[in-house]
C-alpha atoms as a PDB file:
ATOM      1  CA  UNK A   1      33.980 149.118 224.335  1.00  0.00           C
ATOM      2  CA  UNK A   2      37.675 149.318 225.076  1.00  0.00           C
ATOM      3  CA  UNK A   3      38.205 145.642 224.185  1.00  0.00           C
ATOM      4  CA  UNK A   4      36.534 146.002 220.797  1.00  0.00           C
ATOM      5  CA  UNK A   5      38.688 148.989 219.936  1.00  0.00           C
ATOM      6  CA  UNK A   6      41.879 147.131 220.763  1.00  0.00           C
ATOM      7  CA  UNK A   7      40.934 144.282 218.356  1.00  0.00           C
ATOM      8  CA  UNK A   8      40.383 146.531 215.295  1.00  0.00           C
ATOM      9  CA  UNK A   9      43.386 147.187 213.114  1.00  0.00           C
ATOM     10  CA  UNK A  10      45.080 150.510 213.398  1.00  0.00           C
ATOM     11  CA  UNK A  11      44.579 152.733 210.341  1.00  0.00           C
ATOM     12  CA  UNK A  12      47.275 155.283 209.587  1.00  0.00           C
ATOM     13  CA  UNK A  13      46.131 158.794 209.741  1.00  0.00           C
ATOM     14  CA  UNK A  14      47.081 160.896 206.761  1.00  0.00           C
ATOM     15  CA  UNK A  15      49.317 163.852 207.579  1.00  0.00           C
ATOM     16  CA  UNK A  16      51.133 166.568 205.653  1.00  0.00           C
ATOM     17  CA  UNK A  17      54.621 165.594 206.910  1.00  0.00           C
ATOM     18  CA  UNK A  18      56.841 163.525 204.532  1.00  0.00           C
ATOM     19  CA  UNK A  19      57.612 159.910 205.278  1.00  0.00           C
ATOM     20  CA  UNK A  20      61.174 159.700 206.533  1.00  0.00           C
ATOM     21  CA  UNK A  21      61.404 155.908 206.135  1.00  0.00           C
ATOM     22  CA  UNK A  22      60.568 156.112 202.371  1.00  0.00           C
ATOM     23  CA  UNK A  23      63.191 158.758 201.785  1.00  0.00           C
ATOM     24  CA  UNK A  24      65.748 156.638 203.552  1.00  0.00           C
ATOM     25  CA  UNK A  25      65.045 153.758 201.191  1.00  0.00           C
ATOM     26  CA  UNK A  26      65.167 155.958 198.059  1.00  0.00           C
ATOM     27  CA  UNK A  27      68.444 157.673 198.939  1.00  0.00           C
ATOM     28  CA  UNK A  28      70.351 154.340 199.321  1.00  0.00           C
ATOM     29  CA  UNK A  29      73.279 153.677 196.836  1.00  0.00           C
ATOM     30  CA  UNK A  30      72.690 151.063 194.055  1.00  0.00           C
ATOM     31  CA  UNK A  31      74.186 147.623 194.754  1.00  0.00           C
ATOM     32  CA  UNK A  32      76.317 145.889 191.967  1.00  0.00           C
ATOM     33  CA  UNK A  33      74.826 142.762 190.474  1.00  0.00           C
ATOM     34  CA  UNK A  34      76.482 139.526 191.409  1.00  0.00           C
ATOM     35  CA  UNK A  35      76.046 137.992 187.887  1.00  0.00           C
ATOM     36  CA  UNK A  36      79.154 136.302 186.529  1.00  0.00           C
ATOM     37  CA  UNK A  37      81.204 138.285 184.018  1.00  0.00           C
ATOM     38  CA  UNK A  38      81.012 137.273 180.377  1.00  0.00           C
ATOM     39  CA  UNK A  39      84.760 137.665 180.019  1.00  0.00           C
ATOM     40  CA  UNK A  40      85.562 135.235 182.806  1.00  0.00           C
ATOM     41  CA  UNK A  41      86.043 131.656 181.801  1.00  0.00           C
ATOM     42  CA  UNK A  42      84.923 130.289 185.216  1.00  0.00           C
ATOM     43  CA  UNK A  43      81.394 129.984 186.471  1.00  0.00           C
ATOM     44  CA  UNK A  44      82.244 132.385 189.296  1.00  0.00           C
ATOM     45  CA  UNK A  45      82.823 136.091 189.139  1.00  0.00           C
ATOM     46  CA  UNK A  46      86.635 135.914 188.587  1.00  0.00           C
ATOM     47  CA  UNK A  47      87.947 137.603 185.477  1.00  0.00           C
ATOM     48  CA  UNK A  48      90.332 135.856 182.988  1.00  0.00           C
ATOM     49  CA  UNK A  49      94.017 136.643 183.309  1.00  0.00           C
ATOM     50  CA  UNK A  50      94.873 135.618 179.662  1.00  0.00           C
ATOM     51  CA  UNK A  51      96.534 138.331 177.664  1.00  0.00           C
ATOM     52  CA  UNK A  52      94.946 139.030 174.349  1.00  0.00           C
ATOM     53  CA  UNK A  53      97.441 139.260 171.419  1.00  0.00           C
ATOM     54  CA  UNK A  54      96.898 141.243 168.313  1.00  0.00           C
ATOM     55  CA  UNK A  55      96.310 139.286 165.060  1.00  0.00           C
ATOM     56  CA  UNK A  56      99.402 139.037 162.875  1.00  0.00           C
ATOM     57  CA  UNK A  57      98.787 138.823 159.125  1.00  0.00           C
ATOM     58  CA  UNK A  58     100.984 136.623 156.876  1.00  0.00           C
ATOM     59  CA  UNK A  59     103.376 138.628 154.791  1.00  0.00           C
ATOM     60  CA  UNK A  60     105.325 136.619 152.111  1.00  0.00           C
ATOM     61  CA  UNK A  61     109.048 137.148 152.073  1.00  0.00           C
ATOM     62  CA  UNK A  62     111.094 138.158 149.076  1.00  0.00           C
ATOM     63  CA  UNK A  63     111.058 135.646 146.177  1.00  0.00           C
ATOM     64  CA  UNK A  64     114.522 134.285 145.449  1.00  0.00           C
ATOM     65  CA  UNK A  65     114.838 133.573 141.728  1.00  0.00           C
ATOM     66  CA  UNK A  66     116.774 130.408 140.924  1.00  0.00           C
ATOM     67  CA  UNK A  67     119.240 130.603 138.085  1.00  0.00           C
ATOM     68  CA  UNK A  68     117.948 129.027 134.882  1.00  0.00           C
ATOM     69  CA  UNK A  69     119.340 125.589 134.058  1.00  0.00           C
ATOM     70  CA  UNK A  70     121.496 125.803 130.973  1.00  0.00           C
ATOM     71  CA  UNK A  71     123.777 123.344 129.224  1.00  0.00           C
ATOM     72  CA  UNK A  72     126.978 124.646 127.730  1.00  0.00           C
ATOM     73  CA  UNK A  73     129.300 122.889 125.341  1.00  0.00           C
ATOM     74  CA  UNK A  74     132.259 121.031 126.760  1.00  0.00           C
ATOM     75  CA  UNK A  75     135.493 119.787 125.259  1.00  0.00           C
ATOM     76  CA  UNK A  76     134.238 116.342 124.284  1.00  0.00           C
ATOM     77  CA  UNK A  77     131.603 114.658 122.182  1.00  0.00           C
ATOM     78  CA  UNK A  78     127.879 114.819 122.945  1.00  0.00           C
ATOM     79  CA  UNK A  79     126.500 111.663 124.504  1.00  0.00           C
ATOM     80  CA  UNK A  80     123.762 111.657 121.864  1.00  0.00           C
ATOM     81  CA  UNK A  81     126.480 111.027 119.238  1.00  0.00           C
ATOM     82  CA  UNK A  82     128.006 108.083 121.161  1.00  0.00           C
ATOM     83  CA  UNK A  83     126.034 104.990 120.107  1.00  0.00           C
ATOM     84  CA  UNK A  84     127.049 102.733 122.996  1.00  0.00           C
ATOM     85  CA  UNK A  85     126.080 105.276 125.660  1.00  0.00           C
ATOM     86  CA  UNK A  86     122.650 105.883 124.089  1.00  0.00           C
ATOM     87  CA  UNK A  87     121.999 102.144 123.775  1.00  0.00           C
ATOM     88  CA  UNK A  88     122.930 101.428 127.402  1.00  0.00           C
ATOM     89  CA  UNK A  89     121.042 104.481 128.657  1.00  0.00           C
ATOM     90  CA  UNK A  90     117.825 103.255 127.035  1.00  0.00           C
ATOM     91  CA  UNK A  91     117.984 100.112 129.191  1.00  0.00           C
ATOM     92  CA  UNK A  92     117.691 102.146 132.407  1.00  0.00           C
ATOM     93  CA  UNK A  93     114.647 103.947 133.751  1.00  0.00           C
ATOM     94  CA  UNK A  94     114.862 107.693 134.266  1.00  0.00           C
ATOM     95  CA  UNK A  95     114.241 107.353 138.030  1.00  0.00           C
ATOM     96  CA  UNK A  96     116.989 104.757 138.483  1.00  0.00           C
ATOM     97  CA  UNK A  97     119.597 105.738 141.131  1.00  0.00           C
ATOM     98  CA  UNK A  98     122.385 105.283 138.581  1.00  0.00           C
ATOM     99  CA  UNK A  99     120.693 107.736 136.173  1.00  0.00           C
ATOM    100  CA  UNK A 100     120.234 110.266 138.982  1.00  0.00           C
ATOM    101  CA  UNK A 101     123.912 109.973 139.889  1.00  0.00           C
ATOM    102  CA  UNK A 102     124.954 110.431 136.248  1.00  0.00           C
ATOM    103  CA  UNK A 103     122.956 113.664 136.063  1.00  0.00           C
ATOM    104  CA  UNK A 104     124.413 114.818 139.373  1.00  0.00           C
ATOM    105  CA  UNK A 105     127.990 114.209 138.222  1.00  0.00           C
ATOM    106  CA  UNK A 106     127.382 116.126 135.009  1.00  0.00           C
ATOM    107  CA  UNK A 107     125.261 119.044 136.256  1.00  0.00           C
ATOM    108  CA  UNK A 108     125.543 119.055 140.122  1.00  0.00           C
ATOM    109  CA  UNK A 109     121.844 118.180 140.436  1.00  0.00           C
ATOM    110  CA  UNK A 110     119.666 115.130 140.012  1.00  0.00           C
ATOM    111  CA  UNK A 111     117.314 116.888 137.602  1.00  0.00           C
ATOM    112  CA  UNK A 112     113.716 116.038 136.778  1.00  0.00           C
ATOM    113  CA  UNK A 113     112.719 112.538 135.772  1.00  0.00           C
ATOM    114  CA  UNK A 114     110.945 113.844 132.662  1.00  0.00           C
ATOM    115  CA  UNK A 115     114.023 115.636 131.287  1.00  0.00           C
ATOM    116  CA  UNK A 116     116.890 113.656 132.853  1.00  0.00           C
ATOM    117  CA  UNK A 117     117.792 111.528 129.843  1.00  0.00           C
ATOM    118  CA  UNK A 118     117.372 114.415 127.422  1.00  0.00           C
ATOM    119  CA  UNK A 119     119.768 116.551 129.461  1.00  0.00           C
ATOM    120  CA  UNK A 120     122.328 113.750 129.636  1.00  0.00           C
ATOM    121  CA  UNK A 121     122.291 113.308 125.857  1.00  0.00           C
ATOM    122  CA  UNK A 122     123.274 116.978 125.493  1.00  0.00           C
ATOM    123  CA  UNK A 123     126.264 116.623 127.849  1.00  0.00           C
ATOM    124  CA  UNK A 124     129.634 117.088 126.141  1.00  0.00           C
ATOM    125  CA  UNK A 125     131.936 117.635 129.115  1.00  0.00           C
ATOM    126  CA  UNK A 126     132.124 119.582 132.395  1.00  0.00           C
ATOM    127  CA  UNK A 127     132.550 123.312 131.733  1.00  0.00           C
ATOM    128  CA  UNK A 128     131.994 125.010 135.113  1.00  0.00           C
ATOM    129  CA  UNK A 129     134.807 123.493 137.229  1.00  0.00           C
ATOM    130  CA  UNK A 130     138.295 122.056 137.060  1.00  0.00           C
ATOM    131  CA  UNK A 131     139.596 118.497 137.339  1.00  0.00           C
ATOM    132  CA  UNK A 132     139.969 118.662 141.128  1.00  0.00           C
ATOM    133  CA  UNK A 133     136.296 119.452 141.699  1.00  0.00           C
ATOM    134  CA  UNK A 134     135.253 116.746 139.242  1.00  0.00           C
ATOM    135  CA  UNK A 135     137.376 114.231 141.136  1.00  0.00           C
ATOM    136  CA  UNK A 136     135.751 115.322 144.407  1.00  0.00           C
ATOM    137  CA  UNK A 137     132.330 114.637 142.871  1.00  0.00           C
ATOM    138  CA  UNK A 138     133.391 111.174 141.766  1.00  0.00           C
ATOM    139  CA  UNK A 139     134.928 110.354 145.159  1.00  0.00           C
ATOM    140  CA  UNK A 140     131.574 111.075 146.838  1.00  0.00           C
ATOM    141  CA  UNK A 141     129.807 108.391 144.770  1.00  0.00           C
ATOM    142  CA  UNK A 142     128.936 105.516 147.095  1.00  0.00           C
ATOM    143  CA  UNK A 143     128.432 102.543 147.269  1.00  0.00           C
ATOM    144  CA  UNK A 144     130.895 100.908 144.882  1.00  0.00           C
ATOM    145  CA  UNK A 145     128.087  99.153 142.982  1.00  0.00           C
ATOM    146  CA  UNK A 146     126.606 102.555 142.071  1.00  0.00           C
ATOM    147  CA  UNK A 147     130.030 103.715 140.855  1.00  0.00           C
ATOM    148  CA  UNK A 148     130.287 100.663 138.600  1.00  0.00           C
ATOM    149  CA  UNK A 149     126.761 101.223 137.242  1.00  0.00           C
ATOM    150  CA  UNK A 150     127.641 104.808 136.309  1.00  0.00           C
ATOM    151  CA  UNK A 151     130.808 103.596 134.546  1.00  0.00           C
ATOM    152  CA  UNK A 152     128.689 101.041 132.683  1.00  0.00           C
ATOM    153  CA  UNK A 153     126.206 103.690 131.493  1.00  0.00           C
ATOM    154  CA  UNK A 154     129.001 105.972 130.256  1.00  0.00           C
ATOM    155  CA  UNK A 155     130.750 102.942 128.658  1.00  0.00           C
ATOM    156  CA  UNK A 156     134.049 103.866 130.313  1.00  0.00           C
ATOM    157  CA  UNK A 157     134.807 100.701 132.251  1.00  0.00           C
ATOM    158  CA  UNK A 158     138.564 100.484 132.872  1.00  0.00           C
ATOM    159  CA  UNK A 159     140.767  97.479 132.240  1.00  0.00           C
ATOM    160  CA  UNK A 160     141.533  97.231 135.953  1.00  0.00           C
ATOM    161  CA  UNK A 161     138.950  96.186 138.510  1.00  0.00           C
ATOM    162  CA  UNK A 162     139.921  98.439 141.441  1.00  0.00           C
ATOM    163  CA  UNK A 163     137.866 101.383 142.694  1.00  0.00           C
ATOM    164  CA  UNK A 164     140.640 103.844 141.806  1.00  0.00           C
ATOM    165  CA  UNK A 165     140.629 102.621 138.193  1.00  0.00           C
ATOM    166  CA  UNK A 166     136.874 103.218 137.933  1.00  0.00           C
ATOM    167  CA  UNK A 167     137.216 106.684 139.459  1.00  0.00           C
ATOM    168  CA  UNK A 168     140.039 107.701 137.103  1.00  0.00           C
ATOM    169  CA  UNK A 169     138.127 106.534 134.036  1.00  0.00           C
ATOM    170  CA  UNK A 170     135.013 108.448 135.147  1.00  0.00           C
ATOM    171  CA  UNK A 171     136.997 111.661 135.718  1.00  0.00           C
ATOM    172  CA  UNK A 172     138.529 111.436 132.239  1.00  0.00           C
ATOM    173  CA  UNK A 173     135.144 110.796 130.669  1.00  0.00           C
ATOM    174  CA  UNK A 174     133.410 113.679 132.474  1.00  0.00           C
ATOM    175  CA  UNK A 175     136.120 116.118 131.401  1.00  0.00           C
ATOM    176  CA  UNK A 176     136.119 114.969 127.776  1.00  0.00           C
ATOM    177  CA  UNK A 177     133.515 112.372 126.719  1.00  0.00           C
ATOM    178  CA  UNK A 178     134.427 110.120 123.789  1.00  0.00           C
ATOM    179  CA  UNK A 179     133.440 106.747 122.341  1.00  0.00           C
ATOM    180  CA  UNK A 180     135.233 103.733 123.762  1.00  0.00           C
ATOM    181  CA  UNK A 181     135.269 101.848 120.468  1.00  0.00           C
ATOM    182  CA  UNK A 182     133.965  98.685 122.115  1.00  0.00           C
ATOM    183  CA  UNK A 183     131.056  96.647 120.824  1.00  0.00           C
ATOM    184  CA  UNK A 184     127.637  97.405 122.232  1.00  0.00           C
ATOM    185  CA  UNK A 185     127.307  95.147 125.296  1.00  0.00           C
ATOM    186  CA  UNK A 186     124.330  92.817 125.211  1.00  0.00           C
ATOM    187  CA  UNK A 187     121.849  92.303 128.005  1.00  0.00           C
ATOM    188  CA  UNK A 188     121.210  88.882 129.506  1.00  0.00           C
ATOM    189  CA  UNK A 189     117.974  88.558 127.524  1.00  0.00           C
ATOM    190  CA  UNK A 190     119.733  89.542 124.289  1.00  0.00           C
ATOM    191  CA  UNK A 191     122.533  87.049 124.983  1.00  0.00           C
ATOM    192  CA  UNK A 192     119.948  84.331 125.553  1.00  0.00           C
ATOM    193  CA  UNK A 193     118.150  85.210 122.304  1.00  0.00           C
ATOM    194  CA  UNK A 194     121.419  85.164 120.368  1.00  0.00           C
ATOM    195  CA  UNK A 195     122.371  81.794 121.863  1.00  0.00           C
ATOM    196  CA  UNK A 196     118.984  80.313 120.947  1.00  0.00           C
ATOM    197  CA  UNK A 197     119.278  81.707 117.417  1.00  0.00           C
ATOM    198  CA  UNK A 198     122.685  80.074 116.953  1.00  0.00           C
ATOM    199  CA  UNK A 199     121.337  76.798 118.318  1.00  0.00           C
ATOM    200  CA  UNK A 200     118.315  76.885 115.997  1.00  0.00           C
ATOM    201  CA  UNK A 201     120.518  77.694 113.001  1.00  0.00           C
ATOM    202  CA  UNK A 202     122.771  74.721 113.773  1.00  0.00           C
ATOM    203  CA  UNK A 203     119.738  72.437 114.099  1.00  0.00           C
ATOM    204  CA  UNK A 204     118.338  73.728 110.815  1.00  0.00           C
ATOM    205  CA  UNK A 205     121.636  73.025 109.035  1.00  0.00           C
ATOM    206  CA  UNK A 206     121.699  69.534 110.518  1.00  0.00           C
ATOM    207  CA  UNK A 207     118.147  68.872 109.307  1.00  0.00           C
ATOM    208  CA  UNK A 208     118.957  70.117 105.810  1.00  0.00           C
ATOM    209  CA  UNK A 209     122.069  67.922 105.662  1.00  0.00           C
ATOM    210  CA  UNK A 210     120.074  64.872 106.738  1.00  0.00           C
ATOM    211  CA  UNK A 211     117.398  65.632 104.161  1.00  0.00           C
ATOM    212  CA  UNK A 212     120.018  65.885 101.410  1.00  0.00           C
ATOM    213  CA  UNK A 213     121.587  62.598 102.484  1.00  0.00           C
ATOM    214  CA  UNK A 214     118.169  60.940 102.597  1.00  0.00           C
ATOM    215  CA  UNK A 215     117.322  62.314  99.158  1.00  0.00           C
ATOM    216  CA  UNK A 216     120.589  61.000  97.744  1.00  0.00           C
ATOM    217  CA  UNK A 217     119.978  57.606  99.309  1.00  0.00           C
ATOM    218  CA  UNK A 218     116.390  57.320  98.116  1.00  0.00           C
ATOM    219  CA  UNK A 219     117.029  58.799  94.709  1.00  0.00           C
ATOM    220  CA  UNK A 220     116.939  56.227  91.945  1.00  0.00           C
ATOM    221  CA  UNK A 221     118.925  56.795  88.846  1.00  0.00           C
ATOM    222  CA  UNK A 222     116.480  57.188  86.008  1.00  0.00           C
ATOM    223  CA  UNK A 223     118.913  56.244  83.234  1.00  0.00           C
ATOM    224  CA  UNK A 224     116.718  55.188  80.361  1.00  0.00           C
ATOM    225  CA  UNK A 225     119.597  54.655  77.986  1.00  0.00           C
ATOM    226  CA  UNK A 226     120.603  56.550  74.857  1.00  0.00           C
ATOM    227  CA  UNK A 227     118.174  59.089  73.471  1.00  0.00           C
ATOM    228  CA  UNK A 228     116.061  57.970  70.518  1.00  0.00           C
ATOM    229  CA  UNK A 229     117.218  59.605  67.235  1.00  0.00           C
ATOM    230  CA  UNK A 230     114.931  61.987  65.269  1.00  0.00           C
ATOM    231  CA  UNK A 231     112.859  60.718  62.362  1.00  0.00           C
ATOM    232  CA  UNK A 232     113.101  61.899  58.726  1.00  0.00           C
ATOM    233  CA  UNK A 233     110.214  64.355  59.232  1.00  0.00           C
ATOM    234  CA  UNK A 234     111.875  65.908  62.294  1.00  0.00           C
ATOM    235  CA  UNK A 235     115.131  66.290  60.354  1.00  0.00           C
ATOM    236  CA  UNK A 236     113.201  68.070  57.573  1.00  0.00           C
ATOM    237  CA  UNK A 237     111.283  70.300  60.006  1.00  0.00           C
ATOM    238  CA  UNK A 238     114.451  71.361  61.839  1.00  0.00           C
ATOM    239  CA  UNK A 239     115.956  72.298  58.473  1.00  0.00           C
ATOM    240  CA  UNK A 240     112.928  74.233  57.145  1.00  0.00           C
ATOM    241  CA  UNK A 241     111.741  75.974  60.333  1.00  0.00           C
ATOM    242  CA  UNK A 242     114.326  78.855  60.311  1.00  0.00           C
ATOM    243  CA  UNK A 243     113.497  79.824  56.705  1.00  0.00           C
ATOM    244  CA  UNK A 244     109.731  79.818  57.260  1.00  0.00           C
ATOM    245  CA  UNK A 245     110.125  81.732  60.534  1.00  0.00           C
ATOM    246  CA  UNK A 246     112.149  84.416  58.751  1.00  0.00           C
ATOM    247  CA  UNK A 247     109.380  84.906  56.161  1.00  0.00           C
ATOM    248  CA  UNK A 248     106.556  84.853  58.709  1.00  0.00           C
ATOM    249  CA  UNK A 249     107.880  86.183  62.045  1.00  0.00           C
ATOM    250  CA  UNK A 250     104.352  86.626  63.469  1.00  0.00           C
ATOM    251  CA  UNK A 251     103.493  82.932  63.164  1.00  0.00           C
ATOM    252  CA  UNK A 252     103.334  80.760  66.202  1.00  0.00           C
ATOM    253  CA  UNK A 253     104.269  77.123  66.732  1.00  0.00           C
ATOM    254  CA  UNK A 254     100.983  75.764  65.364  1.00  0.00           C
ATOM    255  CA  UNK A 255     101.161  77.748  62.096  1.00  0.00           C
ATOM    256  CA  UNK A 256     104.776  76.735  61.551  1.00  0.00           C
ATOM    257  CA  UNK A 257     103.997  73.054  62.215  1.00  0.00           C
ATOM    258  CA  UNK A 258     101.034  73.123  59.816  1.00  0.00           C
ATOM    259  CA  UNK A 259     103.120  74.733  57.045  1.00  0.00           C
ATOM    260  CA  UNK A 260     105.989  72.240  57.468  1.00  0.00           C
ATOM    261  CA  UNK A 261     103.525  69.317  57.482  1.00  0.00           C
ATOM    262  CA  UNK A 262     101.945  70.488  54.209  1.00  0.00           C
ATOM    263  CA  UNK A 263     105.342  70.813  52.540  1.00  0.00           C
ATOM    264  CA  UNK A 264     106.374  67.370  53.753  1.00  0.00           C
ATOM    265  CA  UNK A 265     103.145  65.850  52.418  1.00  0.00           C
ATOM    266  CA  UNK A 266     103.643  67.372  48.946  1.00  0.00           C
ATOM    267  CA  UNK A 267     107.221  66.032  48.687  1.00  0.00           C
ATOM    268  CA  UNK A 268     107.878  62.873  46.698  1.00  0.00           C
ATOM    269  CA  UNK A 269     109.992  59.826  47.574  1.00  0.00           C
ATOM    270  CA  UNK A 270     113.021  61.219  45.771  1.00  0.00           C
ATOM    271  CA  UNK A 271     112.860  64.439  47.792  1.00  0.00           C
ATOM    272  CA  UNK A 272     112.424  62.507  51.058  1.00  0.00           C
ATOM    273  CA  UNK A 273     115.220  60.024  50.269  1.00  0.00           C
ATOM    274  CA  UNK A 274     118.152  62.028  51.804  1.00  0.00           C
ATOM    275  CA  UNK A 275     116.225  62.582  55.044  1.00  0.00           C
ATOM    276  CA  UNK A 276     115.216  58.931  55.269  1.00  0.00           C
ATOM    277  CA  UNK A 277     118.813  57.826  54.638  1.00  0.00           C
ATOM    278  CA  UNK A 278     120.141  60.139  57.372  1.00  0.00           C
ATOM    279  CA  UNK A 279     117.453  58.968  59.823  1.00  0.00           C
ATOM    280  CA  UNK A 280     118.349  55.300  59.115  1.00  0.00           C
ATOM    281  CA  UNK A 281     122.045  55.892  59.888  1.00  0.00           C
ATOM    282  CA  UNK A 282     121.140  57.630  63.164  1.00  0.00           C
ATOM    283  CA  UNK A 283     118.861  54.718  64.091  1.00  0.00           C
ATOM    284  CA  UNK A 284     121.630  52.146  63.484  1.00  0.00           C
ATOM    285  CA  UNK A 285     123.975  54.103  65.681  1.00  0.00           C
ATOM    286  CA  UNK A 286     121.305  54.349  68.389  1.00  0.00           C
ATOM    287  CA  UNK A 287     120.705  50.575  68.338  1.00  0.00           C
ATOM    288  CA  UNK A 288     124.416  49.904  68.883  1.00  0.00           C
ATOM    289  CA  UNK A 289     124.461  52.327  71.828  1.00  0.00           C
ATOM    290  CA  UNK A 290     121.410  50.598  73.321  1.00  0.00           C
ATOM    291  CA  UNK A 291     123.136  47.192  73.198  1.00  0.00           C
ATOM    292  CA  UNK A 292     126.221  48.554  74.957  1.00  0.00           C
ATOM    293  CA  UNK A 293     124.078  50.272  77.594  1.00  0.00           C
ATOM    294  CA  UNK A 294     122.119  47.076  78.348  1.00  0.00           C
ATOM    295  CA  UNK A 295     125.332  45.092  78.898  1.00  0.00           C
ATOM    296  CA  UNK A 296     126.665  47.776  81.199  1.00  0.00           C
ATOM    297  CA  UNK A 297     123.505  48.120  83.343  1.00  0.00           C
ATOM    298  CA  UNK A 298     122.596  44.479  83.893  1.00  0.00           C
ATOM    299  CA  UNK A 299     124.178  44.327  87.394  1.00  0.00           C
ATOM    300  CA  UNK A 300     122.877  47.751  88.389  1.00  0.00           C
ATOM    301  CA  UNK A 301     119.248  46.791  87.872  1.00  0.00           C
ATOM    302  CA  UNK A 302     119.550  43.752  90.114  1.00  0.00           C
ATOM    303  CA  UNK A 303     121.215  45.885  92.801  1.00  0.00           C
ATOM    304  CA  UNK A 304     118.447  48.488  92.607  1.00  0.00           C
ATOM    305  CA  UNK A 305     115.851  45.736  92.904  1.00  0.00           C
ATOM    306  CA  UNK A 306     117.569  44.377  96.012  1.00  0.00           C
ATOM    307  CA  UNK A 307     117.717  47.856  97.567  1.00  0.00           C
ATOM    308  CA  UNK A 308     114.027  48.356  96.922  1.00  0.00           C
ATOM    309  CA  UNK A 309     113.266  44.984  98.545  1.00  0.00           C
ATOM    310  CA  UNK A 310     115.321  45.964 101.612  1.00  0.00           C
ATOM    311  CA  UNK A 311     113.464  49.262 101.911  1.00  0.00           C
ATOM    312  CA  UNK A 312     110.134  47.456 101.703  1.00  0.00           C
ATOM    313  CA  UNK A 313     111.213  44.970 104.380  1.00  0.00           C
ATOM    314  CA  UNK A 314     112.319  47.839 106.662  1.00  0.00           C
ATOM    315  CA  UNK A 315     108.943  49.482 106.184  1.00  0.00           C
ATOM    316  CA  UNK A 316     107.156  46.200 106.929  1.00  0.00           C
ATOM    317  CA  UNK A 317     108.987  45.637 110.254  1.00  0.00           C
ATOM    318  CA  UNK A 318     107.422  48.594 112.099  1.00  0.00           C
ATOM    319  CA  UNK A 319     104.055  47.676 110.610  1.00  0.00           C
ATOM    320  CA  UNK A 320     104.357  44.157 112.033  1.00  0.00           C
ATOM    321  CA  UNK A 321     105.350  45.547 115.427  1.00  0.00           C
ATOM    322  CA  UNK A 322     102.347  47.855 115.414  1.00  0.00           C
ATOM    323  CA  UNK A 323     100.067  44.964 114.507  1.00  0.00           C
ATOM    324  CA  UNK A 324     101.463  42.869 117.379  1.00  0.00           C
ATOM    325  CA  UNK A 325     100.975  45.639 119.931  1.00  0.00           C
ATOM    326  CA  UNK A 326      97.413  46.230 118.728  1.00  0.00           C
ATOM    327  CA  UNK A 327      96.673  42.492 119.002  1.00  0.00           C
ATOM    328  CA  UNK A 328      98.025  42.431 122.568  1.00  0.00           C
ATOM    329  CA  UNK A 329      95.884  45.422 123.515  1.00  0.00           C
ATOM    330  CA  UNK A 330      92.774  43.824 122.052  1.00  0.00           C
ATOM    331  CA  UNK A 331      93.465  40.597 123.997  1.00  0.00           C
ATOM    332  CA  UNK A 332      93.851  42.534 127.242  1.00  0.00           C
ATOM    333  CA  UNK A 333      90.593  44.380 126.712  1.00  0.00           C
ATOM    334  CA  UNK A 334      88.768  41.096 125.948  1.00  0.00           C
ATOM    335  CA  UNK A 335      90.151  39.465 129.119  1.00  0.00           C
ATOM    336  CA  UNK A 336      89.104  42.452 131.229  1.00  0.00           C
ATOM    337  CA  UNK A 337      85.606  42.335 129.752  1.00  0.00           C
ATOM    338  CA  UNK A 338      85.358  38.608 130.539  1.00  0.00           C
ATOM    339  CA  UNK A 339      86.454  39.216 134.154  1.00  0.00           C
ATOM    340  CA  UNK A 340      83.833  41.923 134.567  1.00  0.00           C
ATOM    341  CA  UNK A 341      81.126  39.634 133.192  1.00  0.00           C
ATOM    342  CA  UNK A 342      82.143  36.875 135.636  1.00  0.00           C
ATOM    343  CA  UNK A 343      82.062  39.304 138.566  1.00  0.00           C
ATOM    344  CA  UNK A 344      78.579  40.429 137.585  1.00  0.00           C
ATOM    345  CA  UNK A 345      77.352  36.819 137.344  1.00  0.00           C
ATOM    346  CA  UNK A 346      78.813  36.006 140.774  1.00  0.00           C
ATOM    347  CA  UNK A 347      77.063  39.021 142.237  1.00  0.00           C
ATOM    348  CA  UNK A 348      73.712  38.015 140.743  1.00  0.00           C
ATOM    349  CA  UNK A 349      74.079  34.440 142.056  1.00  0.00           C
ATOM    350  CA  UNK A 350      74.789  35.755 145.550  1.00  0.00           C
ATOM    351  CA  UNK A 351      71.713  37.961 145.480  1.00  0.00           C
ATOM    352  CA  UNK A 352      69.523  35.029 144.379  1.00  0.00           C
ATOM    353  CA  UNK A 353      70.843  32.841 147.242  1.00  0.00           C
ATOM    354  CA  UNK A 354      70.095  35.588 149.775  1.00  0.00           C
ATOM    355  CA  UNK A 355      66.546  35.926 148.456  1.00  0.00           C
ATOM    356  CA  UNK A 356      65.989  32.145 148.725  1.00  0.00           C
ATOM    357  CA  UNK A 357      67.226  32.146 152.346  1.00  0.00           C
END
């Protein structure tokens, strides 16, 4: 029926004519993609306006060669040959401002710390400028304390104390260094050591003097009187010893004594008589001298005895004092012990009363 035909879908009928709608779609121009550009920094489609610069490579400039540092001889003496300057220089460190200024005045540069002192010891005077330029260098040294330190190192301190005097002395020294002739100045520590040494030496002398005086005071004269005369045998031995020694030079004291003793034993009374007579005369003379000596030394012995008694009494006094102090200490300790015992007894009694209650 007509209704059923209207409800069915329409089916295109194939024909030989080309499809104009399809050609229209194929012949359309391609559309640009709206993806953001990789070169743009923004999330949108705007391109970056930054200008790209070409890379510049580093090219080193020309190397300027510095002139080699050299030390020429001046008109004066090398600082290494001036004892005072070397001694004072050793007291300063190489990186001290005064040492840097010394090097700058001599060589127009501060120099390296490792070679600063060595260079200064080779300095013998300014050679590359005149007096005016040297004075200009010295005038630029500030503060005044630094100027004085430099003058101290070079040992050219002037007699005056003004700044101009220090500057003039430095200029003269830099032009022609020479020794000042002064004694090597001591440091504070060296002065202190020298003072202590003098003090100790004086104390040592004082001690020695006191010891000598004490020895003289305590020394007792050991005067035993006249010397006893030799016997007849000793007179004979003193007479015979040289002759026997001449015959037997290799003999010692024992052999000589044995030989003289044998000869003396073999001698008779007549042979011994002159020696005995001489020994008797010497003995008489000795006895007379002993009598005179005893009369002379009677008062001296009593005086020595009194002195010895005084010394003993002086020694006993400190001993007595020590004994007294020790006795006092022992009494104190005993009293303290008694007090402690009483306190303990009181405490025990109190505890017993509390227990009874």
